[in-house]
Protein backbone atom coordinates (compact mmCIF):
# COMPACT_ATOMS: atom_id res chain seq x y z
CA MET A 1 44.31 -7.91 -52.05
CA PRO A 2 44.26 -4.10 -52.10
CA LEU A 3 44.58 -2.42 -48.73
CA ARG A 4 41.26 -0.53 -49.26
CA THR A 5 39.39 -3.78 -49.81
CA VAL A 6 40.85 -5.23 -46.58
CA LEU A 7 39.81 -2.20 -44.63
CA TRP A 8 36.23 -2.39 -45.91
CA LEU A 9 36.00 -6.07 -45.06
CA LEU A 10 37.19 -5.35 -41.50
CA LEU A 11 34.62 -2.58 -41.11
CA ALA A 12 31.83 -4.95 -42.18
CA VAL A 13 32.99 -7.61 -39.63
CA VAL A 14 33.09 -5.07 -36.81
CA ALA A 15 29.59 -3.67 -37.71
CA GLY A 16 28.13 -7.16 -37.97
CA THR A 17 29.66 -8.19 -34.62
CA THR A 18 28.18 -5.08 -32.93
CA ILE A 19 24.74 -5.65 -34.26
CA GLY A 20 24.80 -9.29 -33.17
CA PHE A 21 25.98 -8.40 -29.74
CA ARG A 22 23.12 -5.80 -29.44
CA ILE A 23 20.52 -8.47 -30.47
CA GLY A 24 21.95 -10.96 -27.95
CA LEU A 25 21.75 -8.57 -24.91
CA PRO A 26 19.29 -9.67 -22.18
CA GLY A 27 16.03 -7.87 -22.72
CA SER A 28 16.81 -6.89 -26.30
CA ASP A 29 14.01 -7.33 -28.77
CA PRO A 30 15.15 -7.63 -32.40
CA SER A 31 11.58 -7.06 -33.70
CA PRO A 32 10.49 -3.46 -34.23
CA VAL A 33 7.55 -2.02 -32.24
CA ALA A 34 5.04 0.10 -34.04
CA ALA A 35 5.03 3.70 -32.76
CA SER A 36 1.22 3.63 -32.44
CA ALA A 37 1.29 0.45 -30.36
CA ALA A 38 3.99 1.76 -28.03
CA ALA A 39 2.10 4.89 -27.49
CA GLY A 40 -1.04 3.04 -26.65
CA GLN A 41 0.58 1.02 -23.87
CA PRO A 42 0.97 2.39 -20.34
CA SER A 43 4.55 2.70 -19.21
CA PRO A 44 5.57 -0.04 -16.81
CA GLU A 45 5.25 0.82 -13.15
CA LEU A 46 8.55 1.91 -11.71
CA GLU A 47 9.88 0.22 -8.62
CA PHE A 48 9.14 2.17 -5.52
CA ALA A 49 6.52 4.36 -7.33
CA PRO A 50 4.52 6.22 -4.71
CA PRO A 51 0.74 6.23 -4.73
CA SER A 52 0.72 9.51 -6.65
CA GLY A 53 2.38 7.74 -9.57
CA ARG A 54 5.47 9.92 -9.46
CA PRO A 55 8.70 7.78 -9.48
CA VAL A 56 10.92 7.53 -6.47
CA THR A 57 14.33 6.79 -7.95
CA PRO A 58 16.65 4.65 -5.74
CA ARG A 59 19.98 6.44 -6.36
CA GLY A 60 21.99 4.96 -3.66
CA LEU A 61 24.98 7.08 -2.70
CA ASP A 62 24.23 10.19 -4.72
CA THR A 63 26.98 12.75 -4.06
CA GLY A 64 25.61 15.44 -6.26
CA GLY A 65 24.12 17.43 -3.40
CA PRO A 66 21.10 19.75 -3.52
CA SER A 67 20.48 22.17 -6.34
CA ALA A 68 20.14 24.96 -3.83
CA SER A 69 23.20 26.06 -1.85
CA PRO A 70 23.02 25.60 1.89
CA GLY A 71 21.63 28.63 3.64
CA LEU A 72 18.59 30.81 3.71
CA GLN A 73 16.90 32.48 0.77
CA PRO A 74 13.59 34.20 0.17
CA LEU A 75 11.04 31.78 -1.27
CA SER A 76 10.32 34.28 -4.08
CA SER A 77 13.86 33.78 -5.41
CA VAL A 78 13.56 30.05 -5.68
CA SER A 79 12.74 28.73 -9.17
CA SER A 80 9.39 27.00 -9.43
CA SER A 81 11.14 23.83 -10.68
CA SER A 82 13.35 23.52 -7.62
CA ALA A 83 10.66 24.66 -5.16
CA ALA A 84 8.40 21.91 -6.39
CA ARG A 85 10.91 19.26 -5.59
CA ASN A 86 10.77 17.61 -2.15
CA GLY A 87 7.61 19.61 -1.47
CA SER A 88 9.53 22.75 -0.62
CA GLY A 89 13.07 22.14 -1.70
CA VAL A 90 15.39 19.84 -3.38
CA ALA A 91 16.26 16.17 -3.68
CA SER A 92 19.75 15.40 -2.50
CA SER A 93 22.08 12.75 -1.39
CA GLY A 94 20.64 12.88 2.07
CA ASP A 95 17.17 12.75 0.60
CA PRO A 96 17.37 10.70 -2.62
CA GLY A 97 13.89 9.42 -2.58
CA THR A 98 11.65 12.32 -1.83
CA ALA A 99 11.88 14.27 -5.05
CA ALA A 100 8.61 12.61 -5.90
CA PHE A 101 6.72 14.56 -3.34
CA ASP A 102 5.25 18.03 -3.70
CA ALA A 103 2.91 20.00 -1.46
CA PRO A 104 -0.42 20.55 -3.14
CA TYR A 105 -1.89 21.22 0.26
CA ALA A 106 0.66 23.66 1.59
CA ALA A 107 -1.59 26.69 0.98
CA ASP A 108 -4.42 24.90 2.81
CA LEU A 109 -2.20 24.71 5.91
CA SER A 110 -1.27 28.38 5.79
CA PHE A 111 -3.93 29.17 8.38
CA LEU A 112 -1.80 27.38 10.91
CA THR A 113 0.82 30.06 11.03
CA PHE A 114 -1.20 32.22 13.32
CA GLY A 115 -4.09 29.93 14.13
CA THR A 116 -7.73 29.96 13.21
CA GLY A 117 -8.81 33.17 11.51
CA ALA A 118 -5.28 34.23 10.65
CA ALA A 119 -4.24 35.96 7.49
CA THR A 120 -2.68 34.10 4.58
CA PRO A 121 1.15 34.52 4.48
CA SER A 122 2.44 36.99 1.91
CA SER A 123 3.62 35.42 -1.37
CA SER A 124 7.04 36.95 -1.44
CA ALA A 125 9.83 37.61 0.94
CA SER A 126 11.88 40.23 -0.98
CA SER A 127 13.63 43.21 0.42
CA ALA A 128 10.36 45.14 -0.11
CA PRO A 129 7.97 42.56 1.43
CA THR A 130 4.28 42.37 0.76
CA GLU A 131 2.65 42.81 4.17
CA THR A 132 -0.41 40.97 5.60
CA THR A 133 -2.14 43.13 8.23
CA THR A 134 -5.06 41.46 9.85
CA SER A 135 -6.03 40.51 13.31
CA LEU A 136 -5.09 37.13 14.77
CA THR A 137 -8.31 36.80 16.59
CA THR A 138 -11.84 35.89 15.42
CA THR A 139 -13.32 38.87 17.17
CA THR A 140 -13.46 42.37 15.64
CA PRO A 141 -10.01 43.95 16.23
CA ALA A 142 -9.42 47.48 17.35
CA ALA A 143 -8.39 49.91 14.68
CA PRO A 144 -4.64 49.87 14.07
CA THR A 145 -2.83 52.72 15.85
CA GLY A 146 0.61 52.36 14.31
CA PRO A 147 2.52 51.27 11.26
CA SER A 148 2.34 47.72 9.97
CA PRO A 149 5.20 45.38 10.97
CA VAL A 150 7.93 44.94 8.39
CA ILE A 151 10.37 42.07 8.64
CA SER A 152 13.95 42.69 7.63
CA ASP A 153 17.57 41.67 8.04
CA VAL A 154 16.73 37.94 8.07
CA ARG A 155 19.85 35.80 8.44
CA THR A 156 21.20 32.54 9.77
CA VAL A 157 23.07 32.95 13.02
CA SER A 158 24.13 29.25 12.92
CA LEU A 159 23.47 26.46 10.48
CA SER A 160 24.31 22.76 10.82
CA PRO A 161 23.01 19.60 9.14
CA PHE A 162 20.55 19.12 12.06
CA ALA A 163 19.64 22.58 13.39
CA ALA A 164 19.63 26.26 12.60
CA THR A 165 19.25 29.55 14.40
CA ILE A 166 17.53 32.42 12.51
CA SER A 167 17.54 36.10 13.46
CA TRP A 168 15.46 38.98 12.07
CA ARG A 169 14.34 42.51 12.80
CA THR A 170 11.04 44.33 12.70
CA ASN A 171 10.44 48.02 12.32
CA VAL A 172 8.09 48.16 15.29
CA PRO A 173 8.02 46.02 18.46
CA THR A 174 6.34 42.69 17.72
CA THR A 175 6.04 39.18 19.07
CA SER A 176 7.43 36.82 16.40
CA ARG A 177 7.81 33.19 15.78
CA LEU A 178 9.11 30.89 13.19
CA VAL A 179 7.17 28.03 11.59
CA TYR A 180 8.82 25.41 9.43
CA GLY A 181 8.39 22.11 7.59
CA LEU A 182 9.36 20.06 4.61
CA ASP A 183 6.10 20.51 2.64
CA ALA A 184 4.37 23.22 4.63
CA PRO A 185 5.21 25.15 7.83
CA VAL A 186 3.77 22.87 10.59
CA VAL A 187 6.41 23.02 13.35
CA TRP A 188 6.44 26.15 15.63
CA SER A 189 9.38 27.69 17.46
CA ALA A 190 8.74 29.38 20.77
CA PRO A 191 7.45 32.91 20.30
CA THR A 192 9.85 35.79 20.93
CA THR A 193 9.05 38.58 23.46
CA LEU A 194 7.88 41.90 22.27
CA SER A 195 10.86 43.53 20.61
CA THR A 196 12.36 44.74 17.34
CA SER A 197 15.08 42.15 17.46
CA HIS A 198 14.15 38.47 17.17
CA GLN A 199 15.86 35.04 17.10
CA ALA A 200 14.46 31.47 16.88
CA ARG A 201 15.76 27.92 16.71
CA MET A 202 14.93 25.19 14.20
CA THR A 203 15.64 21.63 15.42
CA GLY A 204 15.15 18.10 14.21
CA LEU A 205 16.55 18.81 10.76
CA THR A 206 18.19 16.45 8.36
CA GLN A 207 21.32 17.04 6.24
CA LEU A 208 20.88 18.23 2.64
CA ARG A 209 17.19 18.95 2.89
CA SER A 210 15.20 22.12 2.15
CA TYR A 211 12.61 23.42 4.59
CA ARG A 212 9.73 25.82 3.91
CA LEU A 213 10.04 28.58 6.52
CA ASP A 214 7.52 31.25 7.59
CA LEU A 215 8.47 34.21 9.77
CA ALA A 216 5.43 35.68 11.51
CA ALA A 217 5.39 38.96 13.35
CA ARG A 218 2.46 40.53 15.31
CA SER A 219 2.44 44.14 16.60
CA GLU A 220 0.80 45.32 19.79
CA ASP A 221 -2.25 46.55 17.82
CA ALA A 222 -2.64 43.01 16.30
CA GLN A 223 -1.34 43.77 12.83
CA THR A 224 0.56 40.82 11.30
CA THR A 225 3.08 40.06 8.66
CA VAL A 226 4.32 36.82 7.33
CA GLU A 227 7.34 36.25 5.14
CA GLU A 228 8.33 33.08 3.41
CA PHE A 229 11.84 31.59 3.06
CA LEU A 230 13.57 28.38 2.10
CA LEU A 231 16.34 26.99 4.29
CA THR A 232 18.66 24.33 2.94
CA THR A 233 20.88 22.39 5.39
CA PRO A 234 24.52 21.64 4.62
CA ALA A 235 26.16 18.22 4.24
CA ILE A 236 27.69 16.46 7.21
CA SER A 237 31.35 17.43 7.23
CA GLY A 238 32.75 15.50 10.20
CA PRO A 239 32.06 12.78 12.74
CA VAL A 240 28.60 12.65 14.16
CA HIS A 241 27.98 11.81 17.83
CA ALA A 242 24.87 10.00 18.89
CA SER A 243 23.43 10.04 22.39
CA VAL A 244 20.08 10.00 24.21
CA GLY A 245 18.54 12.71 26.31
CA GLY A 246 15.13 13.91 27.42
CA GLY A 247 13.57 10.72 26.18
CA ALA A 248 14.86 11.25 22.58
CA ILE A 249 17.62 9.93 20.35
CA LEU A 250 20.02 12.74 19.47
CA ARG A 251 22.57 13.40 16.74
CA ASP A 252 25.11 15.98 17.78
CA GLY A 253 22.68 16.99 20.45
CA GLN A 254 19.75 17.47 18.12
CA PRO A 255 16.58 15.36 18.11
CA TRP A 256 16.48 12.50 15.60
CA PHE A 257 13.81 9.98 14.65
CA PRO A 258 15.67 7.07 13.07
CA LYS A 259 14.08 4.91 10.36
CA MET A 260 15.80 1.48 10.49
CA VAL A 261 16.34 -1.83 8.84
CA TRP A 262 17.99 -4.97 10.14
CA ALA A 263 21.04 -6.80 8.76
CA GLN A 264 21.06 -5.19 5.31
CA CYS A 265 23.89 -5.93 2.87
CA ALA A 266 25.77 -3.16 1.01
CA ASP A 267 24.41 -4.20 -2.44
CA ALA A 268 20.84 -3.43 -1.28
CA VAL A 269 21.46 -0.32 0.82
CA GLY A 270 20.90 1.99 -2.10
CA GLY A 271 17.23 1.09 -2.43
CA ASN A 272 16.73 1.59 1.31
CA LEU A 273 18.39 5.00 1.26
CA ALA A 274 16.08 6.05 -1.60
CA LEU A 275 13.07 5.49 0.70
CA GLY A 276 14.50 7.50 3.67
CA ILE A 277 16.11 4.78 5.75
CA ASP A 278 18.86 6.46 7.73
CA LEU A 279 19.97 3.83 10.34
CA PHE A 280 21.25 0.32 9.50
CA MET A 281 21.24 -2.06 12.47
CA GLY A 282 24.12 -4.42 11.65
CA ASN A 283 25.56 -5.50 8.33
CA GLY A 284 24.16 -8.73 6.97
CA CYS A 285 27.19 -9.40 4.88
CA GLY A 286 30.11 -8.12 6.87
CA THR A 287 31.08 -5.84 9.71
CA ALA A 288 29.59 -2.53 10.81
CA SER A 289 32.85 -0.86 10.04
CA GLN A 290 32.74 -1.96 6.41
CA LEU A 291 29.16 -0.72 5.93
CA ALA A 292 29.99 2.62 7.68
CA THR A 293 32.85 3.11 5.30
CA TRP A 294 30.63 2.35 2.33
CA LEU A 295 27.87 4.64 3.53
CA GLY A 296 30.01 7.68 4.35
CA THR A 297 27.54 10.24 5.68
CA ALA A 298 24.50 9.16 3.68
CA ALA A 299 23.19 7.21 6.69
CA PHE A 300 24.46 5.63 9.92
CA VAL A 301 25.23 2.14 11.30
CA LEU A 302 24.74 0.29 14.57
CA GLY A 303 27.47 -2.30 15.24
CA ASP A 304 27.10 -5.54 17.08
CA ALA A 305 28.01 -4.81 20.74
CA LYS A 306 29.79 -8.20 20.94
CA HIS A 307 32.12 -7.40 18.07
CA SER A 308 35.57 -5.91 18.42
CA THR A 309 36.17 -2.19 18.45
CA ALA A 310 37.82 -2.41 15.05
CA ASP A 311 34.79 -4.14 13.54
CA ARG A 312 32.51 -1.39 14.97
CA ALA A 313 34.72 1.54 13.85
CA GLY A 314 32.58 4.30 12.43
CA ALA A 315 29.35 2.98 13.88
CA LEU A 316 27.09 5.45 15.57
CA GLY A 317 26.08 3.07 18.34
CA VAL A 318 25.63 -0.59 19.01
CA HIS A 319 22.93 -3.19 19.10
CA LEU A 320 22.64 -5.83 21.79
CA PRO A 321 21.70 -9.49 20.94
CA ASP A 322 18.56 -9.56 18.89
CA GLU A 323 15.44 -10.75 20.88
CA TRP A 324 17.76 -11.33 23.79
CA ASP A 325 14.95 -12.23 26.10
CA THR A 326 14.14 -15.44 24.33
CA GLY A 327 16.52 -17.82 26.15
CA LEU A 328 17.30 -15.92 29.31
CA PRO A 329 16.49 -17.12 32.87
CA ASN A 330 13.68 -15.37 34.74
CA ASN A 331 16.13 -13.90 37.28
CA PHE A 332 18.37 -12.35 34.65
CA SER A 333 19.50 -8.92 36.13
CA LEU A 334 21.17 -5.78 35.04
CA GLU A 335 24.43 -7.06 36.41
CA ASP A 336 24.04 -10.22 34.37
CA ALA A 337 23.39 -8.14 31.18
CA LEU A 338 26.40 -5.88 31.66
CA GLY A 339 28.58 -8.91 32.47
CA ALA A 340 27.43 -10.69 29.23
CA VAL A 341 27.77 -7.61 27.05
CA PRO A 342 29.89 -4.93 28.88
CA ALA A 343 29.24 -1.30 28.02
CA THR A 344 32.21 0.09 26.04
CA PRO A 345 33.07 3.78 26.51
CA GLY A 346 32.59 5.82 23.43
CA SER A 347 30.59 3.16 21.61
CA GLY A 348 27.41 5.22 21.47
CA PRO A 349 23.86 4.34 22.56
CA ARG A 350 22.91 0.67 23.10
CA PHE A 351 19.85 -0.46 21.22
CA LEU A 352 17.98 -3.64 22.26
CA THR A 353 15.18 -5.43 20.45
CA LEU A 354 12.86 -7.58 22.60
CA THR A 355 10.26 -10.19 21.64
CA ASN A 356 6.70 -9.26 22.27
CA HIS A 357 6.43 -11.48 25.34
CA PHE A 358 6.95 -8.47 27.69
CA TYR A 359 3.45 -7.29 26.55
CA SER A 360 0.72 -7.78 29.11
CA ARG A 361 -1.60 -9.25 26.46
CA ALA A 362 0.93 -11.60 24.96
CA GLU A 363 1.80 -15.11 26.27
CA PRO A 364 4.76 -14.84 28.62
CA LEU A 365 7.92 -16.90 27.85
CA PRO A 366 7.94 -20.28 29.63
CA GLN A 367 10.42 -18.94 32.11
CA GLY A 368 8.34 -15.85 32.87
CA ARG A 369 8.88 -12.07 32.55
CA GLY A 370 11.35 -11.49 35.32
CA MET A 371 14.29 -10.69 32.99
CA TYR A 372 12.64 -7.61 31.46
CA PRO A 373 13.56 -4.94 34.09
CA GLY A 374 17.26 -5.82 33.84
CA LEU A 375 17.29 -5.97 30.09
CA ALA A 376 15.54 -2.58 29.89
CA ALA A 377 18.03 -1.09 32.26
CA SER A 378 20.97 -2.34 30.20
CA ALA A 379 19.92 -0.54 27.02
CA ASP A 380 19.68 3.16 26.10
CA VAL A 381 17.02 2.64 23.41
CA LEU A 382 14.46 -0.15 23.81
CA GLY A 383 12.46 -1.78 21.07
CA PHE A 384 10.41 -4.84 20.19
CA ASP A 385 8.76 -6.77 17.39
CA LEU A 386 5.17 -7.90 17.44
CA TYR A 387 4.01 -8.50 13.81
CA PRO A 388 0.32 -9.27 14.29
CA LEU A 389 -0.07 -10.53 10.74
CA GLN A 390 3.14 -12.52 10.33
CA ASN A 391 3.85 -13.62 13.88
CA TRP A 392 0.49 -14.03 15.48
CA CYS A 393 -1.23 -14.80 12.10
CA ARG A 394 -4.15 -12.48 13.13
CA TRP A 395 -5.68 -10.26 10.55
CA ASP A 396 -7.45 -7.89 12.95
CA SER A 397 -5.07 -7.34 15.89
CA PHE A 398 -3.61 -4.00 14.89
CA HIS A 399 -4.70 -2.50 18.11
CA ASP A 400 -2.05 -4.57 19.83
CA VAL A 401 0.66 -2.57 18.05
CA PHE A 402 -0.52 0.52 19.87
CA ASP A 403 -1.20 -1.19 23.22
CA ALA A 404 2.10 -3.05 23.25
CA GLN A 405 3.99 0.23 22.51
CA ILE A 406 2.35 1.78 25.57
CA ASP A 407 3.53 -1.15 27.67
CA LEU A 408 7.11 -0.72 26.22
CA VAL A 409 7.17 3.01 27.07
CA SER A 410 6.33 2.04 30.66
CA LEU A 411 9.01 -0.57 30.81
CA ALA A 412 11.57 1.87 29.33
CA ARG A 413 11.05 4.37 32.12
CA GLY A 414 11.76 7.52 30.15
CA LYS A 415 14.17 6.03 27.58
CA PRO A 416 13.46 6.34 23.88
CA THR A 417 11.69 3.36 22.30
CA PHE A 418 11.13 1.84 18.89
CA GLN A 419 9.08 -0.86 17.21
CA TRP A 420 9.72 -3.06 14.19
CA ILE A 421 6.94 -2.97 11.55
CA GLU A 422 6.19 -6.02 9.36
CA ALA A 423 6.88 -5.18 5.71
CA ARG A 424 6.28 -8.48 3.84
CA ARG A 425 5.16 -12.09 4.20
CA MET A 426 7.36 -14.11 6.56
CA ASP A 427 5.59 -16.91 8.48
CA CYS A 428 1.81 -16.72 8.00
CA THR A 429 -0.25 -17.26 4.88
CA GLY A 430 -3.91 -16.81 4.35
CA GLU A 431 -6.48 -14.21 3.42
CA LEU A 432 -5.66 -10.70 4.72
CA LEU A 433 -2.39 -11.80 6.31
CA ASP A 434 0.07 -10.35 3.74
CA PRO A 435 1.39 -6.96 4.75
CA THR A 436 0.23 -4.21 2.43
CA PRO A 437 0.92 -0.47 2.12
CA GLU A 438 -2.21 0.11 4.25
CA THR A 439 -1.19 -2.21 7.01
CA LEU A 440 2.33 -0.87 7.11
CA ARG A 441 1.15 2.71 7.39
CA ALA A 442 -1.41 1.93 10.06
CA GLU A 443 1.12 -0.09 12.15
CA THR A 444 3.77 2.61 11.82
CA TRP A 445 1.53 5.40 13.01
CA LEU A 446 -0.02 3.19 15.76
CA ALA A 447 3.48 2.70 17.09
CA ILE A 448 4.22 6.43 16.94
CA ALA A 449 0.91 7.30 18.53
CA GLY A 450 1.86 4.96 21.37
CA GLY A 451 5.13 6.75 21.95
CA ALA A 452 7.74 5.25 19.60
CA HIS A 453 10.68 7.59 18.85
CA ALA A 454 12.13 5.36 16.07
CA ILE A 455 10.69 2.86 13.61
CA GLY A 456 12.23 -0.22 11.98
CA TYR A 457 10.95 -2.09 8.90
CA PHE A 458 11.42 -5.84 8.76
CA PRO A 459 12.54 -7.73 6.78
CA ASN A 460 14.82 -5.43 4.88
CA ASN A 461 13.12 -5.96 1.51
CA TRP A 462 9.49 -5.59 0.29
CA THR A 463 7.31 -5.00 -2.71
CA ALA A 464 7.35 -1.86 -4.70
CA ALA A 465 3.96 -0.80 -3.35
CA VAL A 466 5.06 -1.25 0.24
CA GLY A 467 8.33 0.58 -0.52
CA ALA A 468 6.31 3.55 -1.81
CA GLU A 469 4.36 3.75 1.49
CA ILE A 470 7.63 3.55 3.46
CA ALA A 471 8.96 6.42 1.43
CA ARG A 472 5.75 8.50 2.11
CA THR A 473 5.64 7.73 5.78
CA ASN A 474 9.38 8.42 6.29
CA HIS A 475 8.94 11.76 4.52
CA GLU A 476 6.16 12.71 6.88
CA ILE A 477 8.12 11.67 9.85
CA ASP A 478 11.14 13.71 8.75
CA GLY A 479 8.91 16.82 8.60
CA LEU A 480 7.86 16.33 12.24
CA VAL A 481 10.86 15.13 14.08
CA SER A 482 10.93 17.77 16.81
CA VAL A 483 7.25 17.11 17.44
CA LEU A 484 7.33 13.33 17.41
CA VAL A 485 10.15 13.03 20.01
CA GLU A 486 8.09 15.01 22.54
CA PRO A 487 6.53 12.89 25.28
CA ASN A 488 2.82 11.93 24.91
CA ILE A 489 0.26 14.24 26.44
CA ALA A 490 -3.17 13.11 27.69
CA ALA A 491 -5.33 11.80 24.85
CA SER A 492 -8.12 9.26 24.95
CA VAL A 493 -10.94 7.72 22.97
CA ALA A 494 -13.99 5.78 24.24
CA VAL A 495 -13.26 2.26 25.68
CA GLY A 496 -13.74 -0.24 22.98
CA SER A 497 -13.20 2.09 20.08
CA TYR A 498 -11.37 0.80 17.08
CA VAL A 499 -9.56 4.19 16.77
CA LYS A 500 -6.34 4.67 18.78
CA ALA A 501 -4.88 8.13 19.43
CA GLY A 502 -1.86 9.77 20.89
CA ALA A 503 -0.94 13.47 21.14
CA ARG A 504 2.09 15.62 21.46
CA GLU A 505 2.55 19.32 22.33
CA HIS A 506 5.43 21.38 20.93
CA ASN A 507 5.82 25.11 21.63
CA GLY A 508 2.09 25.42 22.20
CA ALA A 509 0.93 23.55 19.06
CA VAL A 510 -0.88 20.27 19.51
CA TYR A 511 -0.54 17.28 17.28
CA VAL A 512 -2.98 14.37 17.36
CA ILE A 513 -2.08 11.04 15.77
CA ALA A 514 -5.20 8.96 15.25
CA VAL A 515 -5.43 5.54 13.48
CA ASN A 516 -8.31 3.33 12.75
CA ALA A 517 -7.05 -0.08 13.89
CA SER A 518 -9.79 -1.96 12.12
CA ARG A 519 -10.56 -3.00 8.50
CA GLY A 520 -13.88 -1.27 8.53
CA THR A 521 -15.04 2.42 8.67
CA SER A 522 -15.12 3.71 12.22
CA SER A 523 -16.07 6.90 13.99
CA ALA A 524 -14.57 8.07 17.22
CA THR A 525 -14.61 10.97 19.59
CA ILE A 526 -11.08 11.92 20.55
CA THR A 527 -10.36 13.85 23.71
CA VAL A 528 -7.14 15.92 24.17
CA PRO A 529 -7.64 18.38 26.94
CA ALA A 530 -4.87 20.63 25.65
CA LEU A 531 -6.87 21.33 22.50
CA ALA A 532 -9.57 23.34 24.29
CA ASP A 533 -11.68 24.80 21.45
CA ARG A 534 -9.06 24.96 18.73
CA THR A 535 -9.41 24.04 15.02
CA LEU A 536 -7.30 21.16 13.66
CA ARG A 537 -6.34 20.35 10.09
CA THR A 538 -4.68 17.10 8.99
CA LEU A 539 -1.18 17.04 7.62
CA ASP A 540 -2.45 16.14 4.21
CA GLY A 541 -4.76 19.12 4.25
CA LEU A 542 -7.86 17.01 3.51
CA HIS A 543 -9.70 17.08 6.88
CA THR A 544 -10.62 19.95 9.22
CA VAL A 545 -12.29 19.59 12.65
CA THR A 546 -12.92 21.88 15.50
CA ALA A 547 -12.62 20.72 19.06
CA SER A 548 -15.07 21.67 21.80
CA GLY A 549 -13.87 21.38 25.37
CA GLY A 550 -10.87 19.39 24.14
CA SER A 551 -12.91 16.82 22.09
CA PHE A 552 -13.73 16.26 18.44
CA THR A 553 -15.36 13.54 16.50
CA ASP A 554 -14.35 12.24 13.11
CA THR A 555 -14.87 9.19 10.80
CA PHE A 556 -11.94 7.09 9.52
CA GLY A 557 -11.67 4.67 6.62
CA PRO A 558 -10.24 1.16 7.09
CA LEU A 559 -6.79 1.35 8.65
CA GLU A 560 -6.70 5.12 7.97
CA ALA A 561 -4.01 7.12 9.78
CA ARG A 562 -4.25 10.88 10.25
CA ILE A 563 -2.00 13.49 11.85
CA TYR A 564 -4.06 16.43 13.10
CA ILE A 565 -2.40 19.83 13.78
CA ALA A 566 -3.74 22.62 15.96
CA ALA A 567 -1.77 25.92 15.91
CA PRO A 568 -0.69 27.41 19.24
CA ALA A 569 -3.61 29.02 21.06
C-alpha cells in the first residue's frame, strides 16, 4: 500500500476518534441547537450570583493581583473599567469575589464628607484640582475673606496590607480630614488641627483591595475643597501576627473583622474565598498546618489547640474544643480549663465557641451555668451558636440572636466576641425554617448590632442564593471594619419593638445598625443620644432620615437590615 494512502487512513482514524471522544464527554450534546432558540433562552444562573445578577466568580487562590499597582493615585487617573470593579477599585486575590459590586449610590453618599449641607466633592484630583468652595453649615456663611483651599503634595507616608498613613498640604491653614471606604467614603479619620501640613491614618484595611478616598479641607472662613483618590493596598509579604486589644481582633496591630467557616476541606476553600471568608477554624480533612500552607496569604487558619505545634504551624491562632461547655461540670474553673488545654506561648489568640445555654433566655444545661465564667476567662475571643431556625426550630425567634449576643458581650468582659450564623438546613424541617438570604442577612446584622466583632457561617456550604448574600454582607463588613470593632454606644428602641438596634461612634461619625427581627413590616423609633439632630443616610443610599433630639423613626420591611451613617457633627 502506498505510503500516502497509509497516512490518509491514519488521519481519518485520528479525526474519527477525536470526534467520538468529544461526543462522549459528560455534558456534551451531539445535536445542534438553533441559534434563535439559544438566543431566546435565559442564560443559566451562575453559582454564587448576587442579587444584582452580576456573577461572583469563585477563583480560589488567584495570584494575579490587582490591576492597579499598590499605592495612591488620583481618582481621575483611574480608568472607568477598573474603577467600576469592586465598587471603587479592583478585584484581586485577596478579594476574588467582589468584582461583582459597584457603587451606584456613591454619589448619594457624598454629602457625608462634610455633613448635612456640604458641597459635593470635586470630580478630579489632578495637579490642578477643581475646587469646591461652600460653607459647611446650613446657615448663611460670612463672605470669604481669603483664597480658597488648594490640596497638594498628597502622598503615602506608610502603606501596609492593613493600614496606611496619608499626608498632604494646603495653601492656606485648614482643618482637614480623610474619609474612605470600598464603595463610597464612609469612614472618617480624626480631623487635623488648623495648619497647612496634614496627616491622617486609614485602618481596618485588607490586602489587595482598592479604597475610595476623599481628602477634605476647610479654611477658617468656611471655604472647602474635596479631592478624590484611590488607594490600593499591597499583598502580604511576610508572617502576620494576630492578637487582641481594645476589645478587637488585630492583624499586625490593626483592627480586623474575621468572617469564618468551620472545618472546611481544602477542595472547597476556593468557593469560600470567593465570598470573602478570610478565617478558617480548623481543617476538616487534615491539619491546620496543611491548610495554612495551601492558603498562603489568601486567608488565615486557626489550629486545634490540642494538636501538636507542628500540626499548627502557620496558623494565626487556635480554637478550643467546640461547644466545650456541653459536658463540663458546673464547677469547672479557669484553672481547670488551662489544665485541660494549656496556653502555648506564641500560638496566637484562643477562640472558643459555646453552646447557647449561657443565654439567659435559653434552657441551662442540666448541670447548670457555673462553668461559663471559667471558660470565658480561658479564651481570648468568645463566641457561640444559637440557630433559631435549625436548632430551636422556631421561625420567629430572630430577636434572640441580638439578645443572646448582648449576653455574650457581658460574659466576655471586654474581650472580642463572635456568633455563628445558620447558612442552610441542618436539623429542622417545616414551613419557614430553611435559612434563606434574608434570614442570613438579618441574623448577621443582628449579631453585629449586638456587639459581635467577628461572624462565622455554619455549616461551611450553602445554596448559591445564600452564598450571594454572604458575599454582599462580607463586602459591607469589609468597608466598615474600623467602625464595627468600636464598642457599642447607647442605643434603644421601645420595649416590645420588633426592631433591634445597636450603634457605634468612630471619630465623631455615628453608625446605627437596625434590623427588623420579624417577618412582617415594622416601624420603630430609634434613640441614639449621640446623634443629636443630625441627618443619616443608609449605606445603600436608599433611605435618609433626620434625628431630632437623638431619635428618628423609620419603617422596615420583613427581616430588613439597614446601616445608617451620620457624618461627624
